[in-house]
Amino acid sequence: MAEAAARLDADAVLVGSPPYAVPTERENALNALAIDRAADLPIMLYNYPVRMGVNMGEEFLDRVGRSRNACAIKESSGDLSRIHLLARDYPHIQMSCGMDDQAPEFFPWGARSWVCGGSNFLPLKHIALWQACAVDVDFAKGRRIMSAMVPLMRVLEQDGKFIQFIKHGVEMDGLRAGPPLKALNKDDKRELEQVVRVLETTVAAILAEDGTARVRAGAAE
């Protein structure tokens, strides 16, 4: 698949651990490096031990991190201590937040990106948080935006229906997502729709306040 991606002029590949196999760190590293040799494309590693059964630990990172193509990691372990490990010991591997609700914890430690489910149907609101934290370095504003997003995160994660909620969100945004694993019931759909309405209104108000403040500051100067 990586070779096919290279032939199709892909910009990069996302490389996770082989699911079900439960490889050792050495085996996992050799697998990632084999993909690297096959495609010779920039690689974003994907550490998601809850789903894959293994963690991309220090032995893995020491081996794979030697490759010039191993340029980023989507960190989805949920373990906040990993932020410190990656930022301090592997600064050459760009750290990306892979948990929807942990972006404000990642950005102060140098993360420059955020791979999140909700951005599939609320891209501008997620970009607003990224802009506040990663570009403007305004963490107070970032916390306000994340606070408005917390109800969405809670809805998405409830009852094991993450994929179904994401697909319904995409449908709400006017795009056809295809059939979910199991259709949401009317109450679930109504709950997501209500949360999205409140989120959009709240974040729009935060951004409007910020714009007004900048206009006033410019006038004062």
N, C-alpha and C. Protein backbone atom coordinates (compact mmCIF):
# COMPACT_ATOMS: atom_id res chain seq x y z
N MET A 1 0.83 -1.21 0.00
CA MET A 1 0.00 0.00 0.00
C MET A 1 0.86 1.25 0.00
N ALA A 2 1.97 1.21 0.72
CA ALA A 2 2.87 2.37 0.74
C ALA A 2 3.51 2.59 -0.63
N GLU A 3 3.89 1.49 -1.29
CA GLU A 3 4.46 1.60 -2.64
C GLU A 3 3.44 2.18 -3.60
N ALA A 4 2.18 1.75 -3.49
CA ALA A 4 1.12 2.28 -4.34
C ALA A 4 0.91 3.76 -4.07
N ALA A 5 0.98 4.15 -2.80
CA ALA A 5 0.83 5.56 -2.46
C ALA A 5 1.94 6.40 -3.09
N ALA A 6 3.16 5.86 -3.07
CA ALA A 6 4.28 6.58 -3.68
C ALA A 6 4.06 6.75 -5.18
N ARG A 7 3.57 5.69 -5.84
CA ARG A 7 3.31 5.78 -7.28
C ARG A 7 2.21 6.80 -7.60
N LEU A 8 1.30 6.99 -6.66
CA LEU A 8 0.21 7.95 -6.86
C LEU A 8 0.57 9.35 -6.37
N ASP A 9 1.86 9.56 -6.11
CA ASP A 9 2.38 10.87 -5.70
C ASP A 9 1.82 11.34 -4.36
N ALA A 10 1.62 10.43 -3.43
CA ALA A 10 1.21 10.82 -2.08
C ALA A 10 2.31 11.67 -1.45
N ASP A 11 1.92 12.59 -0.60
CA ASP A 11 2.88 13.46 0.08
C ASP A 11 3.54 12.76 1.27
N ALA A 12 2.83 11.82 1.88
CA ALA A 12 3.33 11.15 3.07
C ALA A 12 2.48 9.92 3.35
N VAL A 13 2.92 9.10 4.30
CA VAL A 13 2.13 7.94 4.71
C VAL A 13 2.00 7.96 6.24
N LEU A 14 0.87 7.45 6.72
CA LEU A 14 0.61 7.30 8.14
C LEU A 14 0.86 5.84 8.50
N VAL A 15 1.78 5.60 9.41
CA VAL A 15 2.20 4.23 9.73
C VAL A 15 1.90 3.91 11.19
N GLY A 16 0.98 2.98 11.38
CA GLY A 16 0.66 2.52 12.73
C GLY A 16 1.31 1.18 13.01
N SER A 17 1.06 0.64 14.18
CA SER A 17 1.53 -0.69 14.53
C SER A 17 0.59 -1.72 13.92
N PRO A 18 1.10 -2.89 13.51
CA PRO A 18 0.21 -3.92 12.96
C PRO A 18 -0.82 -4.36 14.01
N PRO A 19 -2.10 -4.20 13.75
CA PRO A 19 -3.09 -4.61 14.74
C PRO A 19 -3.14 -6.13 14.89
N TYR A 20 -3.51 -6.57 16.06
CA TYR A 20 -3.72 -7.99 16.38
C TYR A 20 -2.41 -8.75 16.57
N ALA A 21 -1.37 -8.40 15.82
CA ALA A 21 -0.11 -9.18 15.85
C ALA A 21 0.64 -9.04 17.16
N VAL A 22 0.51 -7.91 17.85
CA VAL A 22 1.21 -7.62 19.10
C VAL A 22 2.72 -7.84 18.96
N PRO A 23 3.38 -7.08 18.07
CA PRO A 23 4.81 -7.26 17.87
C PRO A 23 5.61 -6.70 19.05
N THR A 24 6.85 -7.18 19.17
CA THR A 24 7.78 -6.56 20.12
C THR A 24 8.16 -5.19 19.55
N GLU A 25 8.84 -4.40 20.38
CA GLU A 25 9.26 -3.07 19.90
C GLU A 25 10.21 -3.20 18.70
N ARG A 26 11.10 -4.19 18.77
CA ARG A 26 12.04 -4.40 17.65
C ARG A 26 11.28 -4.79 16.39
N GLU A 27 10.35 -5.73 16.52
CA GLU A 27 9.57 -6.16 15.35
C GLU A 27 8.74 -5.01 14.79
N ASN A 28 8.16 -4.23 15.68
CA ASN A 28 7.36 -3.09 15.24
C ASN A 28 8.22 -2.08 14.49
N ALA A 29 9.42 -1.85 14.99
CA ALA A 29 10.35 -0.92 14.34
C ALA A 29 10.77 -1.44 12.97
N LEU A 30 11.08 -2.74 12.88
CA LEU A 30 11.49 -3.31 11.59
C LEU A 30 10.36 -3.23 10.57
N ASN A 31 9.12 -3.39 11.03
CA ASN A 31 7.97 -3.26 10.13
C ASN A 31 7.87 -1.83 9.59
N ALA A 32 7.99 -0.85 10.48
CA ALA A 32 7.92 0.55 10.06
C ALA A 32 9.05 0.90 9.09
N LEU A 33 10.25 0.38 9.36
CA LEU A 33 11.39 0.68 8.50
C LEU A 33 11.27 -0.02 7.15
N ALA A 34 10.62 -1.19 7.12
CA ALA A 34 10.37 -1.86 5.84
C ALA A 34 9.41 -1.02 4.98
N ILE A 35 8.40 -0.46 5.61
CA ILE A 35 7.47 0.44 4.89
C ILE A 35 8.22 1.67 4.41
N ASP A 36 9.10 2.17 5.25
CA ASP A 36 9.91 3.35 4.90
C ASP A 36 10.74 3.07 3.64
N ARG A 37 11.41 1.92 3.61
CA ARG A 37 12.24 1.58 2.45
C ARG A 37 11.39 1.39 1.19
N ALA A 38 10.20 0.83 1.36
CA ALA A 38 9.34 0.55 0.20
C ALA A 38 8.83 1.83 -0.45
N ALA A 39 8.47 2.82 0.37
CA ALA A 39 7.83 4.02 -0.17
C ALA A 39 8.79 5.20 -0.31
N ASP A 40 9.76 5.30 0.62
CA ASP A 40 10.66 6.45 0.68
C ASP A 40 9.88 7.76 0.65
N LEU A 41 8.88 7.84 1.53
CA LEU A 41 8.06 9.05 1.68
C LEU A 41 8.14 9.52 3.13
N PRO A 42 7.87 10.79 3.38
CA PRO A 42 7.77 11.23 4.77
C PRO A 42 6.73 10.39 5.52
N ILE A 43 7.04 10.07 6.76
CA ILE A 43 6.17 9.21 7.56
C ILE A 43 5.68 9.94 8.79
N MET A 44 4.36 9.86 9.02
CA MET A 44 3.79 10.21 10.32
C MET A 44 3.49 8.89 11.02
N LEU A 45 4.18 8.63 12.11
CA LEU A 45 3.90 7.45 12.91
C LEU A 45 2.57 7.64 13.63
N TYR A 46 1.91 6.54 13.95
CA TYR A 46 0.60 6.61 14.60
C TYR A 46 0.62 5.70 15.82
N ASN A 47 0.76 6.30 16.99
CA ASN A 47 0.83 5.53 18.22
C ASN A 47 -0.54 5.49 18.89
N TYR A 48 -1.19 4.33 18.80
CA TYR A 48 -2.55 4.16 19.33
C TYR A 48 -2.63 2.80 20.01
N PRO A 49 -1.98 2.64 21.18
CA PRO A 49 -1.87 1.33 21.81
C PRO A 49 -3.21 0.71 22.20
N VAL A 50 -4.22 1.53 22.51
CA VAL A 50 -5.52 0.97 22.89
C VAL A 50 -6.11 0.14 21.76
N ARG A 51 -5.91 0.58 20.52
CA ARG A 51 -6.45 -0.13 19.36
C ARG A 51 -5.47 -1.17 18.80
N MET A 52 -4.18 -0.88 18.87
CA MET A 52 -3.18 -1.75 18.24
C MET A 52 -2.60 -2.80 19.18
N GLY A 53 -2.70 -2.57 20.49
CA GLY A 53 -2.21 -3.54 21.45
C GLY A 53 -0.78 -3.35 21.89
N VAL A 54 -0.04 -2.45 21.22
CA VAL A 54 1.35 -2.19 21.61
C VAL A 54 1.63 -0.69 21.56
N ASN A 55 2.64 -0.29 22.34
CA ASN A 55 3.04 1.11 22.41
C ASN A 55 4.33 1.33 21.62
N MET A 56 4.42 2.44 20.93
CA MET A 56 5.68 2.80 20.26
C MET A 56 6.60 3.41 21.30
N GLY A 57 7.32 2.55 22.00
CA GLY A 57 8.17 2.98 23.11
C GLY A 57 9.53 3.49 22.67
N GLU A 58 10.41 3.63 23.64
CA GLU A 58 11.71 4.25 23.37
C GLU A 58 12.57 3.39 22.44
N GLU A 59 12.53 2.08 22.58
CA GLU A 59 13.31 1.23 21.67
C GLU A 59 12.83 1.42 20.24
N PHE A 60 11.53 1.46 20.06
CA PHE A 60 10.95 1.69 18.74
C PHE A 60 11.39 3.06 18.20
N LEU A 61 11.24 4.09 19.01
CA LEU A 61 11.55 5.45 18.56
C LEU A 61 13.04 5.63 18.28
N ASP A 62 13.88 4.97 19.08
CA ASP A 62 15.33 5.05 18.85
C ASP A 62 15.70 4.47 17.49
N ARG A 63 15.08 3.36 17.12
CA ARG A 63 15.38 2.71 15.84
C ARG A 63 14.77 3.48 14.67
N VAL A 64 13.47 3.74 14.74
CA VAL A 64 12.77 4.36 13.62
C VAL A 64 13.15 5.83 13.48
N GLY A 65 13.46 6.47 14.60
CA GLY A 65 13.80 7.89 14.57
C GLY A 65 15.09 8.20 13.83
N ARG A 66 15.88 7.18 13.53
CA ARG A 66 17.11 7.41 12.76
C ARG A 66 16.82 7.70 11.28
N SER A 67 15.65 7.30 10.83
CA SER A 67 15.30 7.53 9.42
C SER A 67 14.93 9.00 9.20
N ARG A 68 15.44 9.56 8.13
CA ARG A 68 15.10 10.95 7.81
C ARG A 68 13.62 11.10 7.47
N ASN A 69 12.98 10.00 7.09
CA ASN A 69 11.56 10.08 6.72
C ASN A 69 10.62 10.08 7.93
N ALA A 70 11.10 9.64 9.08
CA ALA A 70 10.25 9.60 10.28
C ALA A 70 10.17 11.00 10.86
N CYS A 71 9.27 11.80 10.31
CA CYS A 71 9.28 13.23 10.63
C CYS A 71 8.18 13.67 11.60
N ALA A 72 7.21 12.80 11.90
CA ALA A 72 6.13 13.21 12.79
C ALA A 72 5.52 11.98 13.46
N ILE A 73 4.81 12.22 14.54
CA ILE A 73 4.09 11.14 15.22
C ILE A 73 2.74 11.65 15.70
N LYS A 74 1.70 10.94 15.33
CA LYS A 74 0.36 11.20 15.85
C LYS A 74 0.24 10.42 17.15
N GLU A 75 0.26 11.13 18.26
CA GLU A 75 0.30 10.50 19.57
C GLU A 75 -1.12 10.37 20.13
N SER A 76 -1.62 9.13 20.15
CA SER A 76 -3.00 8.87 20.57
C SER A 76 -3.06 7.90 21.74
N SER A 77 -2.00 7.88 22.55
CA SER A 77 -1.99 6.96 23.69
C SER A 77 -2.88 7.45 24.82
N GLY A 78 -3.08 8.75 24.90
CA GLY A 78 -3.81 9.32 26.03
C GLY A 78 -2.94 9.55 27.25
N ASP A 79 -1.69 9.10 27.20
CA ASP A 79 -0.75 9.22 28.31
C ASP A 79 -0.02 10.56 28.19
N LEU A 80 -0.34 11.50 29.07
CA LEU A 80 0.25 12.83 28.96
C LEU A 80 1.75 12.84 29.19
N SER A 81 2.28 11.83 29.89
CA SER A 81 3.73 11.78 30.09
C SER A 81 4.47 11.58 28.78
N ARG A 82 3.77 11.04 27.78
CA ARG A 82 4.39 10.85 26.46
C ARG A 82 4.72 12.20 25.82
N ILE A 83 3.96 13.22 26.14
CA ILE A 83 4.24 14.55 25.60
C ILE A 83 5.64 14.98 26.01
N HIS A 84 5.96 14.80 27.27
CA HIS A 84 7.27 15.20 27.79
C HIS A 84 8.38 14.35 27.16
N LEU A 85 8.14 13.05 27.05
CA LEU A 85 9.13 12.15 26.44
C LEU A 85 9.43 12.58 25.01
N LEU A 86 8.39 12.78 24.22
CA LEU A 86 8.58 13.11 22.80
C LEU A 86 9.23 14.48 22.64
N ALA A 87 8.76 15.45 23.40
CA ALA A 87 9.30 16.82 23.26
C ALA A 87 10.76 16.89 23.70
N ARG A 88 11.10 16.18 24.75
CA ARG A 88 12.45 16.28 25.29
C ARG A 88 13.45 15.38 24.59
N ASP A 89 13.07 14.12 24.35
CA ASP A 89 14.04 13.14 23.86
C ASP A 89 14.00 12.90 22.35
N TYR A 90 12.89 13.29 21.71
CA TYR A 90 12.75 13.06 20.26
C TYR A 90 12.24 14.31 19.55
N PRO A 91 12.93 15.44 19.76
CA PRO A 91 12.44 16.70 19.17
C PRO A 91 12.49 16.70 17.64
N HIS A 92 13.28 15.79 17.05
CA HIS A 92 13.37 15.72 15.59
C HIS A 92 12.15 15.03 14.97
N ILE A 93 11.32 14.39 15.82
CA ILE A 93 10.07 13.80 15.34
C ILE A 93 8.94 14.74 15.77
N GLN A 94 8.38 15.44 14.82
CA GLN A 94 7.38 16.44 15.14
C GLN A 94 6.16 15.80 15.82
N MET A 95 5.81 16.32 16.98
CA MET A 95 4.72 15.76 17.77
C MET A 95 3.38 16.35 17.33
N SER A 96 2.42 15.46 17.11
CA SER A 96 1.07 15.88 16.72
C SER A 96 0.06 15.30 17.71
N CYS A 97 -0.88 16.10 18.16
CA CYS A 97 -1.90 15.62 19.08
C CYS A 97 -2.85 14.69 18.34
N GLY A 98 -3.00 13.48 18.86
CA GLY A 98 -3.90 12.52 18.23
C GLY A 98 -5.13 12.23 19.06
N MET A 99 -5.35 13.01 20.11
CA MET A 99 -6.54 12.86 20.95
C MET A 99 -7.37 14.13 20.84
N ASP A 100 -8.64 13.99 20.55
CA ASP A 100 -9.49 15.16 20.33
C ASP A 100 -9.47 16.13 21.51
N ASP A 101 -9.39 15.63 22.74
CA ASP A 101 -9.56 16.49 23.90
C ASP A 101 -8.25 16.89 24.58
N GLN A 102 -7.09 16.61 23.97
CA GLN A 102 -5.83 16.91 24.64
C GLN A 102 -4.99 17.98 23.93
N ALA A 103 -5.55 18.63 22.94
CA ALA A 103 -4.78 19.62 22.18
C ALA A 103 -4.17 20.71 23.08
N PRO A 104 -4.91 21.28 24.04
CA PRO A 104 -4.30 22.33 24.87
C PRO A 104 -3.11 21.85 25.68
N GLU A 105 -3.01 20.55 25.93
CA GLU A 105 -1.85 20.01 26.64
C GLU A 105 -0.65 19.82 25.70
N PHE A 106 -0.91 19.52 24.45
CA PHE A 106 0.16 19.28 23.47
C PHE A 106 0.82 20.56 22.98
N PHE A 107 0.02 21.57 22.68
CA PHE A 107 0.56 22.77 22.03
C PHE A 107 1.63 23.50 22.85
N PRO A 108 1.49 23.65 24.17
CA PRO A 108 2.56 24.33 24.92
C PRO A 108 3.89 23.60 24.89
N TRP A 109 3.86 22.30 24.56
CA TRP A 109 5.10 21.52 24.50
C TRP A 109 5.64 21.42 23.07
N GLY A 110 5.11 22.23 22.17
CA GLY A 110 5.70 22.32 20.85
C GLY A 110 4.98 21.61 19.73
N ALA A 111 3.84 20.96 20.02
CA ALA A 111 3.08 20.33 18.94
C ALA A 111 2.63 21.40 17.95
N ARG A 112 2.70 21.08 16.68
CA ARG A 112 2.30 22.04 15.64
C ARG A 112 1.06 21.59 14.89
N SER A 113 0.52 20.44 15.24
CA SER A 113 -0.66 19.96 14.52
C SER A 113 -1.53 19.13 15.45
N TRP A 114 -2.74 18.84 14.95
CA TRP A 114 -3.77 18.18 15.76
C TRP A 114 -4.63 17.37 14.81
N VAL A 115 -4.57 16.05 14.91
CA VAL A 115 -5.36 15.17 14.05
C VAL A 115 -6.58 14.72 14.86
N CYS A 116 -7.76 15.20 14.50
CA CYS A 116 -8.92 14.99 15.37
C CYS A 116 -10.17 14.66 14.56
N GLY A 117 -11.05 13.85 15.17
CA GLY A 117 -12.25 13.40 14.48
C GLY A 117 -13.25 14.51 14.19
N GLY A 118 -13.47 15.39 15.17
CA GLY A 118 -14.48 16.43 15.01
C GLY A 118 -14.19 17.41 13.89
N SER A 119 -12.92 17.51 13.49
CA SER A 119 -12.57 18.45 12.43
C SER A 119 -13.11 18.03 11.07
N ASN A 120 -13.59 16.77 10.97
CA ASN A 120 -14.19 16.32 9.72
C ASN A 120 -15.45 17.10 9.38
N PHE A 121 -16.14 17.62 10.41
CA PHE A 121 -17.36 18.37 10.13
C PHE A 121 -17.41 19.75 10.79
N LEU A 122 -16.42 20.08 11.60
CA LEU A 122 -16.32 21.42 12.17
C LEU A 122 -14.88 21.94 11.98
N PRO A 123 -14.40 21.96 10.75
CA PRO A 123 -13.00 22.30 10.53
C PRO A 123 -12.61 23.70 11.01
N LEU A 124 -13.45 24.68 10.75
CA LEU A 124 -13.06 26.05 11.09
C LEU A 124 -12.96 26.26 12.60
N LYS A 125 -13.79 25.58 13.37
CA LYS A 125 -13.73 25.72 14.83
C LYS A 125 -12.46 25.07 15.38
N HIS A 126 -12.08 23.94 14.80
CA HIS A 126 -10.84 23.30 15.22
C HIS A 126 -9.62 24.10 14.78
N ILE A 127 -9.69 24.68 13.61
CA ILE A 127 -8.60 25.55 13.14
C ILE A 127 -8.45 26.76 14.06
N ALA A 128 -9.58 27.25 14.59
CA ALA A 128 -9.53 28.41 15.49
C ALA A 128 -8.72 28.08 16.74
N LEU A 129 -8.88 26.87 17.27
CA LEU A 129 -8.11 26.47 18.45
C LEU A 129 -6.63 26.32 18.09
N TRP A 130 -6.38 25.68 16.95
CA TRP A 130 -4.99 25.54 16.48
C TRP A 130 -4.35 26.91 16.29
N GLN A 131 -5.07 27.83 15.67
CA GLN A 131 -4.56 29.18 15.43
C GLN A 131 -4.22 29.87 16.75
N ALA A 132 -5.12 29.76 17.72
CA ALA A 132 -4.90 30.41 19.00
C ALA A 132 -3.65 29.87 19.70
N CYS A 133 -3.50 28.54 19.70
CA CYS A 133 -2.42 27.91 20.48
C CYS A 133 -1.10 27.79 19.71
N ALA A 134 -1.16 27.27 18.51
CA ALA A 134 0.07 26.95 17.77
C ALA A 134 0.63 28.15 17.02
N VAL A 135 -0.22 29.10 16.66
CA VAL A 135 0.24 30.25 15.86
C VAL A 135 0.34 31.51 16.72
N ASP A 136 -0.76 31.86 17.39
CA ASP A 136 -0.78 33.09 18.18
C ASP A 136 -0.21 32.90 19.59
N VAL A 137 -0.01 31.66 20.01
CA VAL A 137 0.48 31.33 21.36
C VAL A 137 -0.37 32.02 22.42
N ASP A 138 -1.66 32.01 22.21
CA ASP A 138 -2.62 32.58 23.16
C ASP A 138 -3.36 31.42 23.82
N PHE A 139 -2.74 30.87 24.84
CA PHE A 139 -3.29 29.67 25.46
C PHE A 139 -4.56 29.95 26.26
N ALA A 140 -4.71 31.18 26.76
CA ALA A 140 -5.94 31.52 27.47
C ALA A 140 -7.13 31.46 26.51
N LYS A 141 -6.94 31.99 25.33
CA LYS A 141 -8.00 31.92 24.32
C LYS A 141 -8.22 30.47 23.88
N GLY A 142 -7.14 29.73 23.74
CA GLY A 142 -7.25 28.33 23.35
C GLY A 142 -8.05 27.53 24.37
N ARG A 143 -7.84 27.82 25.66
CA ARG A 143 -8.59 27.11 26.69
C ARG A 143 -10.08 27.44 26.61
N ARG A 144 -10.39 28.69 26.29
CA ARG A 144 -11.81 29.07 26.16
C ARG A 144 -12.46 28.32 25.00
N ILE A 145 -11.75 28.22 23.89
CA ILE A 145 -12.30 27.50 22.74
C ILE A 145 -12.45 26.01 23.06
N MET A 146 -11.44 25.42 23.71
CA MET A 146 -11.54 24.01 24.07
C MET A 146 -12.67 23.78 25.05
N SER A 147 -12.86 24.69 26.00
CA SER A 147 -13.96 24.56 26.94
C SER A 147 -15.29 24.49 26.21
N ALA A 148 -15.43 25.27 25.14
CA ALA A 148 -16.66 25.23 24.34
C ALA A 148 -16.78 23.92 23.58
N MET A 149 -15.64 23.26 23.32
CA MET A 149 -15.65 22.02 22.56
C MET A 149 -15.84 20.78 23.42
N VAL A 150 -15.64 20.90 24.72
CA VAL A 150 -15.72 19.73 25.60
C VAL A 150 -17.05 18.98 25.48
N PRO A 151 -18.19 19.66 25.44
CA PRO A 151 -19.44 18.90 25.27
C PRO A 151 -19.46 18.06 23.99
N LEU A 152 -18.86 18.58 22.92
CA LEU A 152 -18.77 17.80 21.68
C LEU A 152 -17.93 16.55 21.90
N MET A 153 -16.77 16.70 22.56
CA MET A 153 -15.90 15.56 22.81
C MET A 153 -16.64 14.48 23.61
N ARG A 154 -17.44 14.92 24.58
CA ARG A 154 -18.17 13.96 25.42
C ARG A 154 -19.21 13.20 24.61
N VAL A 155 -19.90 13.91 23.72
CA VAL A 155 -20.89 13.24 22.89
C VAL A 155 -20.22 12.23 21.96
N LEU A 156 -19.13 12.63 21.31
CA LEU A 156 -18.46 11.75 20.36
C LEU A 156 -17.97 10.46 21.00
N GLU A 157 -17.57 10.54 22.26
CA GLU A 157 -16.97 9.38 22.91
C GLU A 157 -17.96 8.48 23.63
N GLN A 158 -19.22 8.85 23.67
CA GLN A 158 -20.16 8.07 24.48
C GLN A 158 -20.64 6.81 23.75
N ASP A 159 -20.81 5.76 24.51
CA ASP A 159 -21.45 4.51 24.06
C ASP A 159 -20.76 3.85 22.87
N GLY A 160 -19.48 4.14 22.66
CA GLY A 160 -18.76 3.49 21.57
C GLY A 160 -19.28 3.83 20.19
N LYS A 161 -19.82 5.03 20.04
CA LYS A 161 -20.43 5.43 18.75
C LYS A 161 -19.64 6.54 18.05
N PHE A 162 -18.34 6.57 18.30
CA PHE A 162 -17.51 7.66 17.75
C PHE A 162 -17.67 7.77 16.23
N ILE A 163 -17.52 6.66 15.53
CA ILE A 163 -17.59 6.70 14.07
C ILE A 163 -18.98 7.14 13.60
N GLN A 164 -20.02 6.63 14.26
CA GLN A 164 -21.38 6.99 13.87
C GLN A 164 -21.63 8.48 14.05
N PHE A 165 -21.16 9.03 15.16
CA PHE A 165 -21.35 10.47 15.40
C PHE A 165 -20.57 11.30 14.39
N ILE A 166 -19.34 10.89 14.07
CA ILE A 166 -18.55 11.63 13.09
C ILE A 166 -19.26 11.61 11.73
N LYS A 167 -19.75 10.46 11.34
CA LYS A 167 -20.42 10.36 10.03
C LYS A 167 -21.70 11.20 10.00
N HIS A 168 -22.44 11.21 11.11
CA HIS A 168 -23.64 12.05 11.14
C HIS A 168 -23.26 13.53 11.07
N GLY A 169 -22.17 13.89 11.74
CA GLY A 169 -21.69 15.27 11.66
C GLY A 169 -21.34 15.67 10.24
N VAL A 170 -20.70 14.77 9.53
CA VAL A 170 -20.34 15.03 8.13
C VAL A 170 -21.61 15.19 7.28
N GLU A 171 -22.59 14.34 7.54
CA GLU A 171 -23.87 14.46 6.82
C GLU A 171 -24.54 15.80 7.13
N MET A 172 -24.46 16.25 8.39
CA MET A 172 -25.01 17.56 8.78
C MET A 172 -24.34 18.68 8.00
N ASP A 173 -23.07 18.46 7.66
CA ASP A 173 -22.29 19.48 6.95
C ASP A 173 -22.53 19.43 5.44
N GLY A 174 -23.42 18.54 4.99
CA GLY A 174 -23.79 18.49 3.59
C GLY A 174 -23.00 17.53 2.74
N LEU A 175 -22.19 16.68 3.39
CA LEU A 175 -21.39 15.71 2.65
C LEU A 175 -21.93 14.31 2.90
N ARG A 176 -21.83 13.45 1.90
CA ARG A 176 -22.30 12.08 2.06
C ARG A 176 -21.18 11.24 2.65
N ALA A 177 -21.43 10.65 3.81
CA ALA A 177 -20.39 9.90 4.51
C ALA A 177 -20.50 8.40 4.30
N GLY A 178 -21.59 7.93 3.77
CA GLY A 178 -21.78 6.49 3.64
C GLY A 178 -22.42 5.92 4.89
N PRO A 179 -22.85 4.67 4.83
CA PRO A 179 -23.55 4.08 5.98
C PRO A 179 -22.63 3.92 7.18
N PRO A 180 -23.11 4.28 8.38
CA PRO A 180 -22.32 4.06 9.60
C PRO A 180 -22.36 2.58 9.98
N LEU A 181 -21.63 2.25 11.04
CA LEU A 181 -21.64 0.88 11.52
C LEU A 181 -23.05 0.48 11.93
N LYS A 182 -23.72 1.38 12.61
CA LYS A 182 -25.12 1.20 12.97
C LYS A 182 -25.72 2.59 13.10
N ALA A 183 -26.86 2.81 12.49
CA ALA A 183 -27.44 4.15 12.46
C ALA A 183 -27.71 4.68 13.86
N LEU A 184 -27.46 5.97 14.06
CA LEU A 184 -27.80 6.60 15.32
C LEU A 184 -29.32 6.70 15.45
N ASN A 185 -29.80 6.65 16.67
CA ASN A 185 -31.23 6.87 16.85
C ASN A 185 -31.52 8.37 16.87
N LYS A 186 -32.79 8.73 16.89
CA LYS A 186 -33.17 10.14 16.80
C LYS A 186 -32.64 10.97 17.97
N ASP A 187 -32.61 10.38 19.15
CA ASP A 187 -32.11 11.11 20.32
C ASP A 187 -30.62 11.41 20.19
N ASP A 188 -29.85 10.45 19.70
CA ASP A 188 -28.41 10.66 19.50
C ASP A 188 -28.17 11.78 18.48
N LYS A 189 -28.91 11.73 17.38
CA LYS A 189 -28.76 12.76 16.35
C LYS A 189 -29.12 14.13 16.89
N ARG A 190 -30.21 14.19 17.62
CA ARG A 190 -30.66 15.47 18.18
C ARG A 190 -29.64 16.02 19.17
N GLU A 191 -29.05 15.13 19.97
CA GLU A 191 -28.05 15.56 20.95
C GLU A 191 -26.83 16.16 20.25
N LEU A 192 -26.32 15.48 19.22
CA LEU A 192 -25.17 16.00 18.49
C LEU A 192 -25.51 17.33 17.83
N GLU A 193 -26.65 17.42 17.20
CA GLU A 193 -27.04 18.66 16.51
C GLU A 193 -27.14 19.83 17.48
N GLN A 194 -27.68 19.58 18.67
CA GLN A 194 -27.80 20.64 19.66
C GLN A 194 -26.43 21.09 20.15
N VAL A 195 -25.56 20.13 20.44
CA VAL A 195 -24.22 20.45 20.91
C VAL A 195 -23.45 21.25 19.85
N VAL A 196 -23.59 20.87 18.59
CA VAL A 196 -22.91 21.58 17.51
C VAL A 196 -23.41 23.02 17.41
N ARG A 197 -24.72 23.24 17.54
CA ARG A 197 -25.26 24.60 17.47
C ARG A 197 -24.69 25.49 18.56
N VAL A 198 -24.65 24.96 19.78
CA VAL A 198 -24.12 25.73 20.90
C VAL A 198 -22.63 26.00 20.71
N LEU A 199 -21.89 24.98 20.28
CA LEU A 199 -20.45 25.14 20.06
C LEU A 199 -20.17 26.23 19.02
N GLU A 200 -20.88 26.17 17.91
CA GLU A 200 -20.65 27.15 16.84
C GLU A 200 -20.94 28.56 17.32
N THR A 201 -22.02 28.73 18.08
CA THR A 201 -22.38 30.05 18.59
C THR A 201 -21.34 30.56 19.59
N THR A 202 -20.90 29.67 20.48
CA THR A 202 -19.94 30.07 21.52
C THR A 202 -18.59 30.43 20.94
N VAL A 203 -18.08 29.60 20.04
CA VAL A 203 -16.77 29.88 19.45
C VAL A 203 -16.83 31.13 18.58
N ALA A 204 -17.91 31.32 17.85
CA ALA A 204 -18.07 32.54 17.04
C ALA A 204 -18.03 33.77 17.93
N ALA A 205 -18.65 33.69 19.10
CA ALA A 205 -18.63 34.83 20.03
C ALA A 205 -17.21 35.09 20.55
N ILE A 206 -16.47 34.03 20.85
CA ILE A 206 -15.08 34.19 21.31
C ILE A 206 -14.24 34.86 20.25
N LEU A 207 -14.39 34.43 19.01
CA LEU A 207 -13.60 35.00 17.91
C LEU A 207 -14.03 36.44 17.64
N ALA A 208 -15.32 36.72 17.79
CA ALA A 208 -15.80 38.09 17.57
C ALA A 208 -15.25 39.03 18.64
N GLU A 209 -15.21 38.57 19.89
CA GLU A 209 -14.64 39.37 20.97
C GLU A 209 -13.18 39.68 20.69
N ASP A 210 -12.45 38.68 20.22
CA ASP A 210 -11.04 38.86 19.91
C ASP A 210 -10.86 39.87 18.80
N GLY A 211 -11.72 39.80 17.76
CA GLY A 211 -11.63 40.75 16.66
C GLY A 211 -11.93 42.16 17.11
N THR A 212 -12.91 42.32 17.98
CA THR A 212 -13.26 43.65 18.50
C THR A 212 -12.11 44.22 19.32
N ALA A 213 -11.49 43.36 20.14
CA ALA A 213 -10.37 43.80 20.96
C ALA A 213 -9.20 44.28 20.10
N ARG A 214 -8.97 43.60 18.99
CA ARG A 214 -7.86 44.00 18.11
C ARG A 214 -8.15 45.33 17.43
N VAL A 215 -9.40 45.53 17.05
CA VAL A 215 -9.78 46.80 16.42
C VAL A 215 -9.57 47.94 17.41
N ARG A 216 -9.99 47.73 18.67
CA ARG A 216 -9.82 48.76 19.69
C ARG A 216 -8.35 49.05 19.95
N ALA A 217 -7.54 47.98 19.98
CA ALA A 217 -6.10 48.17 20.20
C ALA A 217 -5.48 48.96 19.06
N GLY A 218 -5.91 48.65 17.83
CA GLY A 218 -5.39 49.39 16.68
C GLY A 218 -5.79 50.84 16.71
N ALA A 219 -7.02 51.13 17.14
CA ALA A 219 -7.48 52.51 17.22
C ALA A 219 -6.72 53.28 18.28
N ALA A 220 -6.41 52.59 19.38
CA ALA A 220 -5.67 53.23 20.47
C ALA A 220 -4.26 53.61 20.03
N GLU A 221 -3.68 52.75 19.18
CA GLU A 221 -2.32 53.06 18.71
C GLU A 221 -2.33 54.25 17.76
